Amino acid sequence: CPNACGIQAIERGDIEAHLLQCPLETVECDFLHAGCNVGLVRKDLEKHMEENTQKHVALVPALTLRTDQKHDQLQKKLENVEKQQEHLQKQHDELQKKTYENEAKIK
């Protein structure tokens, strides 16, 4: 094992699968996206989660606020894209109408 966890004789093809369970593999806290950027190894994750419950709960309101702000930004972008699409559709329809009119004049 590249983490020197004590497991012997892992075949090369099995290393990746082992690392998904290796107790010494570096993992992220489940609350990373909420702001807990503690670096730890898998065997310490459960203890970290238990000892930092209050800290993690305190991170949730800020995460919710950031998520709401991002949602609002994306909603505005979507509205702008929809307006642009509507404008382009009108231009397309006008050009198509003019094309049909010009084709009729040619015939």
N, C-alpha and C. Protein backbone atom coordinates (compact mmCIF):
# COMPACT_ATOMS: atom_id res chain seq x y z
N CYS A 1 0.85 -1.19 0.00
CA CYS A 1 0.00 0.00 0.00
C CYS A 1 0.89 1.24 0.00
N PRO A 2 0.59 2.21 -0.87
CA PRO A 2 1.39 3.43 -0.91
C PRO A 2 1.28 4.26 0.38
N ASN A 3 0.25 4.00 1.18
CA ASN A 3 0.08 4.72 2.45
C ASN A 3 0.74 3.99 3.63
N ALA A 4 1.36 2.87 3.34
CA ALA A 4 2.02 2.06 4.37
C ALA A 4 1.07 1.71 5.52
N CYS A 5 -0.11 1.25 5.16
CA CYS A 5 -1.12 0.91 6.17
C CYS A 5 -0.88 -0.46 6.80
N GLY A 6 0.06 -1.20 6.26
CA GLY A 6 0.35 -2.51 6.83
C GLY A 6 -0.17 -3.67 6.00
N ILE A 7 -1.01 -3.40 5.05
CA ILE A 7 -1.52 -4.46 4.16
C ILE A 7 -0.37 -4.87 3.25
N GLN A 8 -0.14 -6.14 3.16
CA GLN A 8 0.95 -6.67 2.34
C GLN A 8 0.38 -7.31 1.08
N ALA A 9 1.22 -7.39 0.10
CA ALA A 9 0.94 -8.13 -1.14
C ALA A 9 -0.34 -7.70 -1.85
N ILE A 10 -0.44 -6.42 -2.14
CA ILE A 10 -1.57 -5.94 -2.96
C ILE A 10 -1.10 -5.94 -4.41
N GLU A 11 -1.87 -6.57 -5.27
CA GLU A 11 -1.53 -6.57 -6.69
C GLU A 11 -1.78 -5.17 -7.26
N ARG A 12 -0.99 -4.83 -8.28
CA ARG A 12 -1.11 -3.49 -8.87
C ARG A 12 -2.55 -3.16 -9.26
N GLY A 13 -3.22 -4.10 -9.83
CA GLY A 13 -4.60 -3.88 -10.27
C GLY A 13 -5.59 -3.68 -9.13
N ASP A 14 -5.18 -4.03 -7.93
CA ASP A 14 -6.07 -3.93 -6.78
C ASP A 14 -5.78 -2.70 -5.90
N ILE A 15 -4.74 -1.96 -6.23
CA ILE A 15 -4.35 -0.82 -5.39
C ILE A 15 -5.46 0.23 -5.35
N GLU A 16 -6.02 0.56 -6.50
CA GLU A 16 -7.07 1.60 -6.55
C GLU A 16 -8.26 1.21 -5.68
N ALA A 17 -8.69 -0.04 -5.75
CA ALA A 17 -9.81 -0.51 -4.93
C ALA A 17 -9.43 -0.46 -3.45
N HIS A 18 -8.19 -0.84 -3.14
CA HIS A 18 -7.75 -0.80 -1.75
C HIS A 18 -7.77 0.62 -1.20
N LEU A 19 -7.33 1.59 -2.01
CA LEU A 19 -7.26 2.98 -1.53
C LEU A 19 -8.64 3.53 -1.19
N LEU A 20 -9.68 2.98 -1.80
CA LEU A 20 -11.04 3.41 -1.47
C LEU A 20 -11.46 2.98 -0.07
N GLN A 21 -10.71 2.05 0.53
CA GLN A 21 -11.01 1.57 1.87
C GLN A 21 -9.86 1.76 2.84
N CYS A 22 -8.69 2.10 2.34
CA CYS A 22 -7.48 2.17 3.16
C CYS A 22 -7.67 3.14 4.33
N PRO A 23 -7.39 2.69 5.55
CA PRO A 23 -7.58 3.55 6.72
C PRO A 23 -6.61 4.73 6.77
N LEU A 24 -5.51 4.66 6.00
CA LEU A 24 -4.55 5.75 6.00
C LEU A 24 -4.63 6.64 4.77
N GLU A 25 -5.65 6.41 3.94
CA GLU A 25 -5.85 7.27 2.77
C GLU A 25 -6.37 8.63 3.23
N THR A 26 -5.83 9.69 2.67
CA THR A 26 -6.29 11.03 3.00
C THR A 26 -7.69 11.23 2.42
N VAL A 27 -8.60 11.74 3.24
CA VAL A 27 -9.98 11.98 2.83
C VAL A 27 -10.38 13.40 3.22
N GLU A 28 -11.48 13.84 2.68
CA GLU A 28 -12.03 15.16 3.02
C GLU A 28 -13.18 14.97 4.00
N CYS A 29 -13.36 15.97 4.81
CA CYS A 29 -14.52 15.99 5.71
C CYS A 29 -15.78 16.06 4.86
N ASP A 30 -16.83 15.41 5.32
CA ASP A 30 -18.12 15.46 4.61
C ASP A 30 -18.67 16.87 4.52
N PHE A 31 -18.18 17.77 5.36
CA PHE A 31 -18.64 19.16 5.37
C PHE A 31 -17.65 20.09 4.68
N LEU A 32 -16.83 19.55 3.80
CA LEU A 32 -15.85 20.35 3.07
C LEU A 32 -16.52 21.52 2.36
N HIS A 33 -17.60 21.26 1.65
CA HIS A 33 -18.27 22.31 0.87
C HIS A 33 -18.98 23.32 1.76
N ALA A 34 -19.15 22.98 3.01
CA ALA A 34 -19.74 23.92 3.95
C ALA A 34 -18.66 24.77 4.61
N GLY A 35 -17.39 24.37 4.43
CA GLY A 35 -16.30 25.16 4.97
C GLY A 35 -15.34 24.44 5.90
N CYS A 36 -15.55 23.17 6.16
CA CYS A 36 -14.63 22.41 7.02
C CYS A 36 -13.57 21.77 6.12
N ASN A 37 -12.41 22.40 6.09
CA ASN A 37 -11.36 21.91 5.19
C ASN A 37 -10.24 21.19 5.94
N VAL A 38 -10.62 20.45 6.95
CA VAL A 38 -9.66 19.67 7.73
C VAL A 38 -9.13 18.52 6.88
N GLY A 39 -7.82 18.35 6.91
CA GLY A 39 -7.23 17.20 6.24
C GLY A 39 -7.07 16.07 7.24
N LEU A 40 -7.54 14.89 6.88
CA LEU A 40 -7.45 13.77 7.80
C LEU A 40 -7.41 12.47 7.03
N VAL A 41 -7.11 11.40 7.73
CA VAL A 41 -7.11 10.08 7.11
C VAL A 41 -8.41 9.38 7.45
N ARG A 42 -8.77 8.41 6.60
CA ARG A 42 -10.07 7.75 6.70
C ARG A 42 -10.35 7.22 8.12
N LYS A 43 -9.36 6.66 8.77
CA LYS A 43 -9.61 6.06 10.09
C LYS A 43 -10.01 7.11 11.13
N ASP A 44 -9.71 8.38 10.89
CA ASP A 44 -10.04 9.45 11.83
C ASP A 44 -11.32 10.21 11.47
N LEU A 45 -11.91 9.88 10.34
CA LEU A 45 -13.08 10.63 9.87
C LEU A 45 -14.27 10.51 10.83
N GLU A 46 -14.60 9.32 11.26
CA GLU A 46 -15.75 9.14 12.14
C GLU A 46 -15.58 9.94 13.43
N LYS A 47 -14.39 9.88 14.02
CA LYS A 47 -14.11 10.63 15.25
C LYS A 47 -14.23 12.14 14.99
N HIS A 48 -13.69 12.59 13.87
CA HIS A 48 -13.79 14.00 13.51
C HIS A 48 -15.25 14.44 13.40
N MET A 49 -16.07 13.60 12.75
CA MET A 49 -17.48 13.93 12.57
C MET A 49 -18.19 14.02 13.93
N GLU A 50 -17.89 13.11 14.80
CA GLU A 50 -18.51 13.11 16.13
C GLU A 50 -18.07 14.32 16.95
N GLU A 51 -16.78 14.63 16.93
CA GLU A 51 -16.25 15.71 17.76
C GLU A 51 -16.56 17.11 17.22
N ASN A 52 -16.95 17.20 15.96
CA ASN A 52 -17.15 18.52 15.34
C ASN A 52 -18.58 18.76 14.89
N THR A 53 -19.52 18.05 15.48
CA THR A 53 -20.92 18.19 15.08
C THR A 53 -21.40 19.62 15.20
N GLN A 54 -21.13 20.27 16.31
CA GLN A 54 -21.59 21.65 16.51
C GLN A 54 -20.94 22.60 15.50
N LYS A 55 -19.65 22.40 15.26
CA LYS A 55 -18.96 23.23 14.27
C LYS A 55 -19.59 23.06 12.90
N HIS A 56 -19.87 21.81 12.54
CA HIS A 56 -20.47 21.53 11.24
C HIS A 56 -21.86 22.15 11.12
N VAL A 57 -22.65 22.02 12.17
CA VAL A 57 -24.00 22.61 12.16
C VAL A 57 -23.91 24.13 12.01
N ALA A 58 -22.91 24.73 12.64
CA ALA A 58 -22.74 26.18 12.55
C ALA A 58 -22.34 26.63 11.15
N LEU A 59 -21.76 25.74 10.35
CA LEU A 59 -21.36 26.08 8.99
C LEU A 59 -22.54 26.08 8.01
N VAL A 60 -23.61 25.39 8.37
CA VAL A 60 -24.72 25.21 7.44
C VAL A 60 -25.41 26.51 7.03
N PRO A 61 -25.69 27.46 7.94
CA PRO A 61 -26.36 28.69 7.49
C PRO A 61 -25.56 29.47 6.44
N ALA A 62 -24.25 29.54 6.60
CA ALA A 62 -23.43 30.25 5.61
C ALA A 62 -23.47 29.52 4.27
N LEU A 63 -23.45 28.19 4.32
CA LEU A 63 -23.55 27.41 3.08
C LEU A 63 -24.89 27.65 2.41
N THR A 64 -25.94 27.69 3.20
CA THR A 64 -27.28 27.94 2.67
C THR A 64 -27.34 29.31 2.01
N LEU A 65 -26.76 30.31 2.65
CA LEU A 65 -26.74 31.66 2.09
C LEU A 65 -25.98 31.67 0.76
N ARG A 66 -24.81 31.04 0.71
CA ARG A 66 -24.03 30.99 -0.54
C ARG A 66 -24.81 30.27 -1.63
N THR A 67 -25.48 29.20 -1.25
CA THR A 67 -26.28 28.45 -2.22
C THR A 67 -27.43 29.30 -2.75
N ASP A 68 -28.09 30.02 -1.87
CA ASP A 68 -29.18 30.90 -2.29
C ASP A 68 -28.68 32.00 -3.22
N GLN A 69 -27.52 32.57 -2.90
CA GLN A 69 -26.95 33.63 -3.74
C GLN A 69 -26.59 33.08 -5.12
N LYS A 70 -25.99 31.90 -5.15
CA LYS A 70 -25.65 31.28 -6.43
C LYS A 70 -26.92 30.97 -7.23
N HIS A 71 -27.95 30.51 -6.55
CA HIS A 71 -29.23 30.23 -7.21
C HIS A 71 -29.77 31.51 -7.85
N ASP A 72 -29.72 32.61 -7.11
CA ASP A 72 -30.21 33.89 -7.63
C ASP A 72 -29.41 34.32 -8.86
N GLN A 73 -28.09 34.16 -8.81
CA GLN A 73 -27.24 34.52 -9.95
C GLN A 73 -27.61 33.68 -11.17
N LEU A 74 -27.77 32.39 -10.96
CA LEU A 74 -28.11 31.50 -12.06
C LEU A 74 -29.50 31.80 -12.61
N GLN A 75 -30.42 32.17 -11.73
CA GLN A 75 -31.77 32.52 -12.18
C GLN A 75 -31.72 33.75 -13.08
N LYS A 76 -30.93 34.76 -12.70
CA LYS A 76 -30.79 35.96 -13.53
C LYS A 76 -30.16 35.64 -14.87
N LYS A 77 -29.14 34.79 -14.85
CA LYS A 77 -28.50 34.39 -16.12
C LYS A 77 -29.50 33.67 -17.01
N LEU A 78 -30.29 32.80 -16.43
CA LEU A 78 -31.29 32.07 -17.19
C LEU A 78 -32.30 33.03 -17.80
N GLU A 79 -32.75 34.00 -17.04
CA GLU A 79 -33.70 34.99 -17.55
C GLU A 79 -33.10 35.76 -18.72
N ASN A 80 -31.82 36.13 -18.61
CA ASN A 80 -31.15 36.84 -19.70
C ASN A 80 -31.03 35.97 -20.95
N VAL A 81 -30.71 34.71 -20.75
CA VAL A 81 -30.60 33.79 -21.88
C VAL A 81 -31.97 33.61 -22.54
N GLU A 82 -33.01 33.51 -21.74
CA GLU A 82 -34.36 33.36 -22.30
C GLU A 82 -34.76 34.60 -23.09
N LYS A 83 -34.40 35.80 -22.61
CA LYS A 83 -34.69 37.04 -23.34
C LYS A 83 -33.93 37.06 -24.66
N GLN A 84 -32.66 36.67 -24.62
CA GLN A 84 -31.86 36.63 -25.84
C GLN A 84 -32.44 35.63 -26.83
N GLN A 85 -32.85 34.49 -26.33
CA GLN A 85 -33.43 33.47 -27.19
C GLN A 85 -34.71 33.98 -27.84
N GLU A 86 -35.53 34.67 -27.06
CA GLU A 86 -36.77 35.23 -27.59
C GLU A 86 -36.48 36.27 -28.67
N HIS A 87 -35.49 37.12 -28.41
CA HIS A 87 -35.10 38.15 -29.39
C HIS A 87 -34.58 37.49 -30.68
N LEU A 88 -33.74 36.48 -30.53
CA LEU A 88 -33.20 35.79 -31.70
C LEU A 88 -34.30 35.06 -32.47
N GLN A 89 -35.27 34.51 -31.76
CA GLN A 89 -36.38 33.84 -32.43
C GLN A 89 -37.19 34.83 -33.26
N LYS A 90 -37.41 36.03 -32.71
CA LYS A 90 -38.13 37.06 -33.47
C LYS A 90 -37.37 37.47 -34.72
N GLN A 91 -36.04 37.64 -34.57
CA GLN A 91 -35.22 37.99 -35.73
C GLN A 91 -35.28 36.88 -36.77
N HIS A 92 -35.19 35.64 -36.32
CA HIS A 92 -35.27 34.51 -37.23
C HIS A 92 -36.60 34.49 -37.97
N ASP A 93 -37.69 34.71 -37.23
CA ASP A 93 -39.01 34.70 -37.85
C ASP A 93 -39.15 35.82 -38.89
N GLU A 94 -38.62 37.01 -38.57
CA GLU A 94 -38.68 38.14 -39.51
C GLU A 94 -37.87 37.84 -40.76
N LEU A 95 -36.67 37.30 -40.58
CA LEU A 95 -35.84 36.96 -41.73
C LEU A 95 -36.48 35.87 -42.59
N GLN A 96 -37.08 34.92 -41.93
CA GLN A 96 -37.75 33.85 -42.67
C GLN A 96 -38.92 34.41 -43.47
N LYS A 97 -39.67 35.32 -42.87
CA LYS A 97 -40.80 35.95 -43.56
C LYS A 97 -40.32 36.72 -44.78
N LYS A 98 -39.24 37.49 -44.61
CA LYS A 98 -38.68 38.26 -45.73
C LYS A 98 -38.18 37.33 -46.82
N THR A 99 -37.59 36.21 -46.44
CA THR A 99 -37.10 35.25 -47.43
C THR A 99 -38.26 34.70 -48.25
N TYR A 100 -39.35 34.35 -47.58
CA TYR A 100 -40.54 33.84 -48.29
C TYR A 100 -41.10 34.91 -49.22
N GLU A 101 -41.15 36.14 -48.75
CA GLU A 101 -41.65 37.25 -49.58
C GLU A 101 -40.78 37.46 -50.81
N ASN A 102 -39.46 37.42 -50.61
CA ASN A 102 -38.55 37.60 -51.74
C ASN A 102 -38.63 36.45 -52.71
N GLU A 103 -38.79 35.22 -52.21
CA GLU A 103 -38.95 34.06 -53.07
C GLU A 103 -40.23 34.16 -53.90
N ALA A 104 -41.28 34.69 -53.27
CA ALA A 104 -42.56 34.84 -53.98
C ALA A 104 -42.42 35.89 -55.10
N LYS A 105 -41.66 36.94 -54.86
CA LYS A 105 -41.45 37.98 -55.88
C LYS A 105 -40.66 37.45 -57.06
N ILE A 106 -39.72 36.56 -56.79
CA ILE A 106 -38.88 36.02 -57.85
C ILE A 106 -39.66 35.11 -58.74
N LYS A 107 -40.62 34.38 -58.22
CA LYS A 107 -41.39 33.41 -59.01
C LYS A 107 -42.36 34.13 -59.84
